[in-house]
Amino acid sequence: MASVFARKTHKWIALIVVIQATIWLISGAYFTILDIDYIHGDHLIRNIDEPINNDVGILYSFAAVLERYPL
């Protein structure tokens, strides 16, 4: 009876280990294939030195905004 329990337990543990190893393999291949800057999310960051694209074409100073919308 103990050997049946041991075999069933061994099969379930092996299944869990195989699933985890497969996930590690896929994620490792993903990180190896893609560019490291893409993985870091550098493409999502706007360069702070670039001017802001303002469709209205009007920039307000902080003092002007406070004057228009007082606290």
C-alpha atoms as a PDB file:
ATOM      1  CA  MET A   1       0.000   0.000   0.000  1.00  0.00           C
ATOM      2  CA  ALA A   2       2.853   2.374   0.776  1.00  0.00           C
ATOM      3  CA  SER A   3       4.403   1.738  -2.627  1.00  0.00           C
ATOM      4  CA  VAL A   4       1.167   2.766  -4.391  1.00  0.00           C
ATOM      5  CA  PHE A   5       1.082   5.992  -2.395  1.00  0.00           C
ATOM      6  CA  ALA A   6       4.758   6.623  -3.158  1.00  0.00           C
ATOM      7  CA  ARG A   7       4.235   6.070  -6.900  1.00  0.00           C
ATOM      8  CA  LYS A   8       1.206   8.382  -7.039  1.00  0.00           C
ATOM      9  CA  THR A   9       2.987  11.044  -5.014  1.00  0.00           C
ATOM     10  CA  HIS A  10       6.064  10.742  -7.217  1.00  0.00           C
ATOM     11  CA  LYS A  11       3.959  11.168 -10.380  1.00  0.00           C
ATOM     12  CA  TRP A  12       2.278  14.335  -9.059  1.00  0.00           C
ATOM     13  CA  ILE A  13       5.531  15.856  -7.862  1.00  0.00           C
ATOM     14  CA  ALA A  14       7.148  15.045 -11.219  1.00  0.00           C
ATOM     15  CA  LEU A  15       4.225  16.692 -13.035  1.00  0.00           C
ATOM     16  CA  ILE A  16       4.571  19.852 -10.944  1.00  0.00           C
ATOM     17  CA  VAL A  17       8.342  19.956 -11.520  1.00  0.00           C
ATOM     18  CA  VAL A  18       7.917  19.454 -15.270  1.00  0.00           C
ATOM     19  CA  ILE A  19       5.336  22.247 -15.482  1.00  0.00           C
ATOM     20  CA  GLN A  20       7.609  24.607 -13.533  1.00  0.00           C
ATOM     21  CA  ALA A  21      10.646  23.696 -15.654  1.00  0.00           C
ATOM     22  CA  THR A  22       8.627  24.305 -18.826  1.00  0.00           C
ATOM     23  CA  ILE A  23       7.590  27.739 -17.601  1.00  0.00           C
ATOM     24  CA  TRP A  24      11.233  28.549 -16.758  1.00  0.00           C
ATOM     25  CA  LEU A  25      12.323  27.329 -20.193  1.00  0.00           C
ATOM     26  CA  ILE A  26       9.743  29.434 -22.042  1.00  0.00           C
ATOM     27  CA  SER A  27      10.399  32.576 -19.989  1.00  0.00           C
ATOM     28  CA  GLY A  28      14.162  32.127 -20.343  1.00  0.00           C
ATOM     29  CA  ALA A  29      13.842  31.799 -24.108  1.00  0.00           C
ATOM     30  CA  TYR A  30      11.642  34.921 -24.152  1.00  0.00           C
ATOM     31  CA  PHE A  31      14.238  36.957 -22.262  1.00  0.00           C
ATOM     32  CA  THR A  32      17.044  35.614 -24.442  1.00  0.00           C
ATOM     33  CA  ILE A  33      15.349  36.230 -27.787  1.00  0.00           C
ATOM     34  CA  LEU A  34      13.997  39.734 -27.168  1.00  0.00           C
ATOM     35  CA  ASP A  35      16.055  42.899 -26.884  1.00  0.00           C
ATOM     36  CA  ILE A  36      16.950  43.707 -23.265  1.00  0.00           C
ATOM     37  CA  ASP A  37      15.771  47.324 -23.658  1.00  0.00           C
ATOM     38  CA  TYR A  38      12.326  46.078 -24.688  1.00  0.00           C
ATOM     39  CA  ILE A  39      12.193  43.793 -21.649  1.00  0.00           C
ATOM     40  CA  HIS A  40      13.151  46.679 -19.366  1.00  0.00           C
ATOM     41  CA  GLY A  41      10.360  48.798 -20.867  1.00  0.00           C
ATOM     42  CA  ASP A  42      12.645  51.509 -22.209  1.00  0.00           C
ATOM     43  CA  HIS A  43      10.338  51.950 -25.211  1.00  0.00           C
ATOM     44  CA  LEU A  44       7.591  53.094 -22.828  1.00  0.00           C
ATOM     45  CA  ILE A  45       9.583  56.014 -21.421  1.00  0.00           C
ATOM     46  CA  ARG A  46       9.476  59.396 -23.118  1.00  0.00           C
ATOM     47  CA  ASN A  47      12.740  61.293 -23.244  1.00  0.00           C
ATOM     48  CA  ILE A  48      12.370  64.158 -20.781  1.00  0.00           C
ATOM     49  CA  ASP A  49      14.470  66.462 -22.976  1.00  0.00           C
ATOM     50  CA  GLU A  50      11.956  66.202 -25.810  1.00  0.00           C
ATOM     51  CA  PRO A  51       9.344  68.954 -25.875  1.00  0.00           C
ATOM     52  CA  ILE A  52       5.815  68.027 -24.931  1.00  0.00           C
ATOM     53  CA  ASN A  53       3.525  67.675 -27.922  1.00  0.00           C
ATOM     54  CA  ASN A  54       0.957  70.328 -27.131  1.00  0.00           C
ATOM     55  CA  ASP A  55      -1.824  70.328 -29.710  1.00  0.00           C
ATOM     56  CA  VAL A  56      -3.284  73.567 -28.389  1.00  0.00           C
ATOM     57  CA  GLY A  57       0.000  75.389 -28.733  1.00  0.00           C
ATOM     58  CA  ILE A  58      -0.464  77.267 -25.441  1.00  0.00           C
ATOM     59  CA  LEU A  59       1.659  76.723 -22.367  1.00  0.00           C
ATOM     60  CA  TYR A  60       0.616  78.238 -19.059  1.00  0.00           C
ATOM     61  CA  SER A  61       2.870  79.145 -16.196  1.00  0.00           C
ATOM     62  CA  PHE A  62       2.097  77.719 -12.793  1.00  0.00           C
ATOM     63  CA  ALA A  63       1.258  81.191 -11.493  1.00  0.00           C
ATOM     64  CA  ALA A  64      -1.256  81.745 -14.312  1.00  0.00           C
ATOM     65  CA  VAL A  65      -2.970  78.440 -13.560  1.00  0.00           C
ATOM     66  CA  LEU A  66      -3.161  79.279  -9.840  1.00  0.00           C
ATOM     67  CA  GLU A  67      -4.581  82.676 -10.676  1.00  0.00           C
ATOM     68  CA  ARG A  68      -7.271  81.161 -12.893  1.00  0.00           C
ATOM     69  CA  TYR A  69      -8.061  78.252 -10.577  1.00  0.00           C
ATOM     70  CA  PRO A  70      -7.395  79.337  -6.986  1.00  0.00           C
ATOM     71  CA  LEU A  71      -7.183  76.732  -4.250  1.00  0.00           C
END
